[in-house]
Protein backbone atom coordinates (compact mmCIF):
# COMPACT_ATOMS: atom_id res chain seq x y z
CA MET A 1 28.80 14.51 0.05
CA GLU A 2 26.01 17.02 -0.63
CA ARG A 3 24.11 14.38 -2.60
CA LEU A 4 24.54 11.84 0.19
CA ASP A 5 23.17 14.33 2.72
CA TYR A 6 20.25 15.04 0.41
CA PHE A 7 19.28 11.38 0.07
CA ILE A 8 19.65 10.80 3.82
CA LYS A 9 17.30 13.73 4.48
CA ARG A 10 14.83 12.36 1.94
CA LEU A 11 14.90 8.94 3.61
CA LEU A 12 14.34 10.47 7.04
CA LEU A 13 11.45 12.55 5.71
CA ILE A 14 9.67 9.35 4.72
CA ILE A 15 8.80 8.69 8.37
CA PRO A 16 6.81 11.89 9.12
CA THR A 17 5.29 11.91 5.63
CA PHE A 18 4.13 8.32 5.94
CA ILE A 19 2.68 8.98 9.39
CA GLY A 20 0.91 12.10 8.11
CA ILE A 21 -0.67 10.22 5.18
CA THR A 22 -1.83 7.27 7.26
CA VAL A 23 -3.09 9.41 10.16
CA LEU A 24 -5.22 11.50 7.81
CA CYS A 25 -6.70 8.49 6.04
CA PHE A 26 -7.17 6.62 9.33
CA LEU A 27 -9.14 9.52 10.77
CA LEU A 28 -11.28 9.88 7.66
CA ILE A 29 -12.39 6.26 7.54
CA GLN A 30 -13.44 6.36 11.21
CA PHE A 31 -16.21 8.82 10.34
CA VAL A 32 -17.36 7.35 7.02
CA PRO A 33 -20.96 6.10 7.36
CA GLY A 34 -21.71 2.43 6.81
CA GLY A 35 -18.65 1.15 8.67
CA PRO A 36 -18.23 -2.36 10.10
CA VAL A 37 -20.24 -1.53 13.24
CA GLU A 38 -23.20 -0.24 11.22
CA GLN A 39 -23.01 -3.20 8.84
CA ALA A 40 -22.96 -5.68 11.74
CA ILE A 41 -26.02 -3.99 13.26
CA MET A 42 -27.83 -4.11 9.92
CA ARG A 43 -27.07 -7.83 9.60
CA MET A 44 -28.43 -8.43 13.10
CA LYS A 45 -31.59 -6.53 12.22
CA GLY A 46 -31.95 -8.52 9.02
CA ILE A 47 -31.76 -5.43 6.81
CA GLY A 48 -30.60 -6.29 3.32
CA SER A 49 -30.53 -10.04 4.00
CA GLY A 50 -34.27 -10.65 3.84
CA GLU A 51 -34.40 -11.77 7.45
CA VAL A 52 -37.30 -10.43 9.54
CA SER A 53 -38.11 -11.03 13.18
CA ALA A 54 -40.60 -13.85 13.53
CA GLY A 55 -44.11 -12.87 14.53
CA THR A 56 -43.53 -9.12 14.43
CA GLY A 57 -42.99 -8.35 10.74
CA THR A 58 -40.47 -5.68 11.71
CA THR A 59 -36.73 -5.63 12.08
CA ALA A 60 -35.20 -6.57 15.44
CA SER A 61 -33.98 -3.88 17.80
CA ILE A 62 -30.40 -3.59 19.04
CA SER A 63 -29.74 -2.68 22.65
CA ASP A 64 -27.01 -0.32 23.78
CA THR A 65 -25.19 -3.24 25.37
CA GLN A 66 -25.15 -5.16 22.09
CA ARG A 67 -23.93 -2.11 20.22
CA LYS A 68 -21.10 -1.60 22.70
CA GLU A 69 -20.13 -5.25 22.34
CA ILE A 70 -19.97 -4.85 18.55
CA GLU A 71 -17.88 -1.68 18.90
CA ALA A 72 -15.53 -3.49 21.29
CA TYR A 73 -15.20 -6.40 18.87
CA TYR A 74 -14.03 -4.07 16.09
CA GLY A 75 -11.99 -1.93 18.48
CA PHE A 76 -14.15 1.17 18.08
CA ASP A 77 -14.57 1.52 21.83
CA ARG A 78 -11.01 2.85 22.19
CA PRO A 79 -9.80 6.42 21.65
CA LEU A 80 -8.58 7.23 18.14
CA TYR A 81 -4.93 7.58 19.11
CA GLN A 82 -4.94 4.15 20.75
CA ARG A 83 -6.53 2.58 17.68
CA TYR A 84 -4.01 4.20 15.38
CA TRP A 85 -1.06 3.15 17.55
CA LYS A 86 -2.38 -0.42 17.63
CA TRP A 87 -2.76 -0.39 13.84
CA LEU A 88 0.71 1.12 13.31
CA VAL A 89 2.80 -0.86 15.80
CA THR A 90 0.95 -3.83 17.29
CA ASP A 91 -0.77 -4.86 14.05
CA ARG A 92 2.24 -3.92 11.87
CA ILE A 93 0.49 -1.25 9.76
CA GLY A 94 -2.60 -3.42 9.86
CA MET A 95 -1.06 -6.40 8.07
CA SER A 96 -1.70 -8.79 10.96
CA MET A 97 -5.29 -7.60 11.48
CA PRO A 98 -8.04 -10.00 10.41
CA SER A 99 -10.13 -8.84 7.49
CA TYR A 100 -13.66 -7.69 8.33
CA ARG A 101 -15.04 -9.51 5.28
CA PHE A 102 -12.91 -12.65 5.67
CA PRO A 103 -12.25 -13.03 9.44
CA ASN A 104 -10.18 -16.18 8.92
CA LYS A 105 -7.58 -14.26 6.88
CA THR A 106 -5.37 -11.32 7.75
CA ALA A 107 -4.98 -8.25 5.55
CA TRP A 108 -1.51 -9.40 4.49
CA GLN A 109 -2.79 -12.84 3.47
CA LEU A 110 -5.40 -11.28 1.20
CA ILE A 111 -2.86 -8.85 -0.27
CA ARG A 112 -0.33 -11.63 -0.82
CA GLU A 113 -2.91 -13.68 -2.75
CA ARG A 114 -3.36 -10.84 -5.25
CA PHE A 115 0.27 -9.73 -5.21
CA GLN A 116 1.58 -12.05 -7.94
CA VAL A 117 -1.19 -11.20 -10.38
CA SER A 118 -0.73 -7.46 -9.99
CA LEU A 119 3.06 -7.77 -10.12
CA ILE A 120 2.95 -9.51 -13.50
CA PHE A 121 0.33 -7.09 -14.76
CA GLY A 122 2.17 -4.01 -13.44
CA ILE A 123 5.68 -4.92 -14.64
CA THR A 124 4.43 -5.90 -18.10
CA GLY A 125 2.44 -2.70 -18.54
CA PHE A 126 5.22 -0.53 -17.10
CA LEU A 127 7.96 -1.97 -19.31
CA LEU A 128 5.85 -1.97 -22.46
CA SER A 129 4.85 1.65 -21.89
CA TYR A 130 8.48 2.76 -21.79
CA LEU A 131 9.78 0.34 -24.42
CA VAL A 132 7.16 1.50 -26.92
CA CYS A 133 6.70 5.17 -26.05
CA ILE A 134 10.38 6.19 -25.76
CA PRO A 135 11.40 4.91 -29.24
CA LEU A 136 8.18 6.30 -30.73
CA GLY A 137 8.79 9.68 -29.12
CA ILE A 138 12.36 9.71 -30.48
CA VAL A 139 11.22 8.90 -34.01
CA LYS A 140 8.50 11.57 -33.82
CA ALA A 141 11.06 14.15 -32.67
CA LEU A 142 13.50 13.29 -35.47
CA ARG A 143 10.66 13.36 -38.03
CA HIS A 144 8.87 16.38 -36.62
CA ASN A 145 6.12 17.83 -38.86
CA THR A 146 6.36 14.92 -41.30
CA LEU A 147 3.48 12.68 -42.38
CA PHE A 148 4.59 10.00 -39.91
CA ASP A 149 4.52 12.52 -37.05
CA MET A 150 1.02 13.73 -37.90
CA VAL A 151 -0.47 10.26 -38.44
CA SER A 152 1.10 8.83 -35.28
CA SER A 153 -0.11 11.85 -33.29
CA ILE A 154 -3.68 11.19 -34.45
CA VAL A 155 -3.42 7.53 -33.44
CA VAL A 156 -1.88 8.43 -30.07
CA PHE A 157 -4.53 11.01 -29.20
CA VAL A 158 -7.43 8.83 -30.34
CA GLY A 159 -6.17 6.03 -28.11
CA TYR A 160 -5.69 8.46 -25.23
CA ALA A 161 -9.16 9.98 -25.67
CA ILE A 162 -10.93 6.62 -25.35
CA PRO A 163 -11.43 5.68 -21.67
CA ALA A 164 -9.68 2.49 -20.62
CA PHE A 165 -12.92 0.78 -19.54
CA ALA A 166 -14.60 1.64 -22.86
CA MET A 167 -11.61 0.30 -24.80
CA GLY A 168 -11.71 -2.87 -22.71
CA MET A 169 -15.42 -3.43 -23.32
CA VAL A 170 -15.01 -2.86 -27.08
CA LEU A 171 -12.07 -5.28 -27.25
CA LYS A 172 -14.07 -7.88 -25.31
CA MET A 173 -16.95 -7.59 -27.77
CA LEU A 174 -14.68 -7.81 -30.81
CA LEU A 175 -12.11 -10.40 -29.72
CA CYS A 176 -13.64 -12.48 -26.91
CA GLY A 177 -16.69 -13.92 -28.64
CA THR A 178 -19.22 -12.06 -26.48
CA VAL A 179 -21.05 -10.87 -29.61
CA GLU A 180 -22.24 -13.36 -32.20
CA GLY A 181 -20.26 -13.14 -35.42
CA MET A 182 -17.19 -11.56 -33.78
CA TRP A 183 -13.81 -13.23 -33.23
CA ASP A 184 -13.32 -15.53 -30.25
CA ILE A 185 -9.54 -15.21 -29.81
CA PHE A 186 -8.90 -14.20 -26.20
CA PRO A 187 -10.43 -15.39 -22.90
CA ILE A 188 -13.23 -13.19 -21.67
CA SER A 189 -12.02 -12.79 -18.07
CA GLY A 190 -9.72 -13.94 -15.27
CA PHE A 191 -5.98 -14.39 -15.02
CA HIS A 192 -5.72 -18.03 -16.11
CA SER A 193 -7.92 -20.91 -17.22
CA GLU A 194 -9.55 -23.48 -14.92
CA GLY A 195 -7.17 -26.24 -16.00
CA TYR A 196 -4.11 -24.04 -15.54
CA GLY A 197 -2.44 -26.35 -13.01
CA ALA A 198 -2.35 -29.29 -15.43
CA LEU A 199 -0.63 -27.35 -18.22
CA SER A 200 3.05 -27.54 -19.10
CA VAL A 201 5.36 -24.61 -18.46
CA GLY A 202 4.95 -23.38 -22.02
CA GLY A 203 1.21 -23.89 -21.80
CA LYS A 204 1.02 -21.86 -18.59
CA VAL A 205 2.98 -19.00 -20.14
CA LYS A 206 0.71 -19.02 -23.20
CA ASP A 207 -2.41 -19.18 -21.04
CA ILE A 208 -1.35 -16.19 -18.93
CA PHE A 209 -0.31 -14.30 -22.09
CA MET A 210 -3.73 -14.79 -23.65
CA HIS A 211 -5.49 -13.65 -20.48
CA MET A 212 -3.26 -10.61 -19.96
CA PHE A 213 -2.96 -9.35 -23.54
CA LEU A 214 -6.11 -7.22 -23.68
CA PRO A 215 -5.91 -5.78 -20.12
CA VAL A 216 -2.25 -4.81 -20.59
CA LEU A 217 -3.07 -3.29 -23.99
CA CYS A 218 -5.72 -1.09 -22.34
CA TYR A 219 -3.27 -0.11 -19.61
CA VAL A 220 -0.51 0.83 -22.09
CA ILE A 221 -2.89 2.84 -24.27
CA GLY A 222 -3.88 4.88 -21.23
CA ASN A 223 -0.25 5.98 -20.70
CA PHE A 224 0.65 6.15 -24.37
CA ALA A 225 0.13 9.80 -25.21
CA VAL A 226 1.75 11.32 -22.11
CA LEU A 227 5.01 9.36 -22.32
CA THR A 228 5.29 9.61 -26.10
CA LEU A 229 4.78 13.37 -26.25
CA LEU A 230 6.97 13.94 -23.20
CA MET A 231 9.84 12.09 -24.88
CA LYS A 232 9.25 13.88 -28.19
CA ASN A 233 9.06 17.39 -26.74
CA SER A 234 12.02 16.81 -24.44
CA LEU A 235 14.24 15.63 -27.31
CA ILE A 236 13.14 18.48 -29.59
CA GLU A 237 13.99 20.96 -26.84
CA GLN A 238 17.46 19.45 -26.39
CA ILE A 239 18.14 19.40 -30.14
CA SER A 240 17.42 23.15 -30.31
CA ARG A 241 19.94 23.95 -27.55
CA ASP A 242 23.19 25.81 -28.25
CA TYR A 243 25.41 22.92 -27.22
CA ILE A 244 24.03 20.81 -30.08
CA ARG A 245 24.91 23.53 -32.57
CA THR A 246 28.35 23.76 -30.97
CA VAL A 247 28.92 20.02 -31.44
CA MET A 248 27.96 20.25 -35.09
CA ALA A 249 30.03 23.40 -35.61
CA LYS A 250 33.09 21.50 -34.40
CA GLY A 251 32.58 18.86 -37.07
CA GLY A 252 30.36 16.42 -35.24
CA SER A 253 27.52 14.76 -37.15
CA PHE A 254 23.86 15.29 -36.32
CA ARG A 255 23.58 11.64 -35.32
CA ARG A 256 26.46 12.02 -32.85
CA ALA A 257 24.97 15.24 -31.46
CA VAL A 258 21.60 13.58 -30.90
CA TRP A 259 22.66 10.20 -29.52
CA GLY A 260 25.82 11.32 -27.77
CA HIS A 261 24.46 14.46 -26.10
CA ALA A 262 20.78 15.35 -26.60
CA PHE A 263 19.32 11.88 -25.93
CA ARG A 264 20.77 11.54 -22.45
CA ASN A 265 19.55 14.99 -21.38
CA ALA A 266 16.13 14.32 -22.90
CA LEU A 267 15.71 11.30 -20.62
CA ILE A 268 15.74 13.47 -17.47
CA PRO A 269 11.98 14.28 -17.55
CA ILE A 270 11.24 10.63 -18.36
CA ALA A 271 13.11 9.56 -15.22
CA THR A 272 10.36 11.19 -13.14
CA GLY A 273 8.05 8.26 -13.74
CA MET A 274 10.67 5.52 -13.54
CA GLY A 275 10.48 5.53 -9.76
CA GLY A 276 7.01 4.08 -10.24
CA ILE A 277 8.64 0.69 -10.82
CA LEU A 278 8.35 0.21 -7.03
CA THR A 279 4.58 0.55 -7.14
CA VAL A 280 3.90 -1.55 -10.23
CA MET A 281 2.06 -4.17 -8.17
CA PHE A 282 -0.52 -1.48 -7.30
CA ALA A 283 -0.53 0.15 -10.74
CA GLY A 284 -3.33 -1.93 -12.22
CA SER A 285 -6.37 0.12 -13.07
CA VAL A 286 -9.36 -0.68 -10.86
CA ILE A 287 -11.71 -0.25 -13.82
CA ILE A 288 -9.64 -2.45 -16.14
CA GLU A 289 -9.48 -5.19 -13.51
CA GLN A 290 -13.23 -4.94 -13.04
CA VAL A 291 -13.93 -5.14 -16.78
CA PHE A 292 -11.72 -8.21 -17.27
CA GLU A 293 -12.45 -9.66 -13.80
CA ILE A 294 -8.76 -9.87 -12.90
CA PRO A 295 -8.14 -10.74 -9.22
CA GLY A 296 -5.52 -8.04 -8.69
CA MET A 297 -4.70 -5.37 -6.13
CA GLY A 298 -6.86 -2.74 -7.80
CA ARG A 299 -9.95 -4.91 -7.57
CA LEU A 300 -9.09 -5.88 -3.98
CA SER A 301 -8.84 -2.22 -2.98
CA LEU A 302 -12.24 -1.50 -4.56
CA GLU A 303 -13.80 -4.46 -2.76
CA ALA A 304 -12.25 -3.27 0.52
CA ILE A 305 -13.64 0.25 0.05
CA VAL A 306 -17.14 -0.90 -0.93
CA GLY A 307 -17.23 -3.53 1.83
CA ARG A 308 -15.73 -1.15 4.43
CA ASP A 309 -12.91 -3.64 5.00
CA TYR A 310 -10.68 -1.09 6.73
CA PRO A 311 -7.74 -3.40 7.60
CA VAL A 312 -7.29 -4.42 3.96
CA PHE A 313 -7.83 -0.90 2.63
CA MET A 314 -5.39 0.65 5.10
CA GLY A 315 -2.85 -2.11 4.43
CA ILE A 316 -2.93 -1.41 0.69
CA LEU A 317 -2.79 2.33 1.33
CA ALA A 318 0.22 1.97 3.66
CA LEU A 319 2.17 -0.16 1.19
CA THR A 320 1.32 2.12 -1.73
CA SER A 321 2.34 5.24 0.20
CA LEU A 322 5.60 3.75 1.44
CA LEU A 323 6.65 2.42 -1.96
CA GLY A 324 5.57 5.68 -3.61
CA LEU A 325 7.78 7.71 -1.29
CA LEU A 326 10.71 5.38 -1.97
CA GLY A 327 9.96 5.65 -5.68
CA ASN A 328 10.37 9.43 -5.54
CA ILE A 329 13.83 8.96 -4.06
CA LEU A 330 14.63 6.40 -6.78
CA SER A 331 13.64 8.98 -9.41
CA ASP A 332 16.09 11.48 -7.90
CA PHE A 333 18.78 8.79 -7.92
CA LEU A 334 18.09 8.13 -11.61
CA TYR A 335 18.48 11.87 -12.25
CA VAL A 336 22.01 11.66 -10.88
CA ILE A 337 22.84 8.61 -13.01
CA ILE A 338 21.51 10.21 -16.19
CA ASP A 339 23.11 13.60 -15.55
CA PRO A 340 25.87 13.66 -12.88
CA ARG A 341 25.92 17.49 -13.08
CA ILE A 342 22.61 17.71 -11.18
CA ASN A 343 23.10 19.33 -7.78
CA PHE A 344 20.55 18.92 -5.00
CA GLN A 345 22.11 21.59 -2.76
CA GLN A 346 19.43 23.73 -1.18
CA SER A 347 19.72 27.47 -1.70
């Protein structure tokens, strides 16, 4: 009953937390220079587009009436609280608002177009990170201070020390044929080939695999060291506990003590990041997607920020925040599954 009350409270706290996050970000973007009103005025003046008023040689002037019309078009003539309420309720957290950069599409339509790509990218990277790092961390813990532990630690830290974008650029030069004399194994960019629609099911899977291999590899390497060492240190800590010595003193084998008792408790810190499964569609690195030109959510968010496309940016922010808050609750739920003794009762 105490756990049920705890989770109900956590669910109810999502509402004020979500509102607090979105209000803060909504207020900040209203005062960022170079917004849609300023960009529209610059386009009318011909600044940055090469257009100059005929016969004058200078940029055109904008009257106060024209500026007010532009502000009204983008909704900037209303008080902040009215604009936020419209975004939150009327426009459904901005999802039904038309994009500033693509007026014929809503924010949700643009997000939905990139959703599938980021979902495949995020789930693949998320699962591989855990499927590789947890077993490696276990082996490193069981072979602590051996040659395997030292060599694998060097490899892990070297991979972690190299920035993801640098690793991506090096892999592109070595394996994508961008440098003469290097291997041309993987596609240089994109999510699938131009003739993707005409391929068979197996051909489509292979095509996506070839396009996603290098970006996912860069993503996994970025999370490699943290998860591996967290699993290793957590298991070593559990093995040194008194209850493990008690199990062995009663005749239990070391294998039984590790796999029957220590392993389950060692997974508790790992469960912290498992709630991130809800945000895998937004987990793609912006830099990695830029390097490999992948049309995912990370690249869309960067384009929205640079282009001051507030509806799209706020839509991505709202979804990320909401799923992140739910992911934290999922992590707590996984705690309970891994170790039913955990008590969330407040002191």
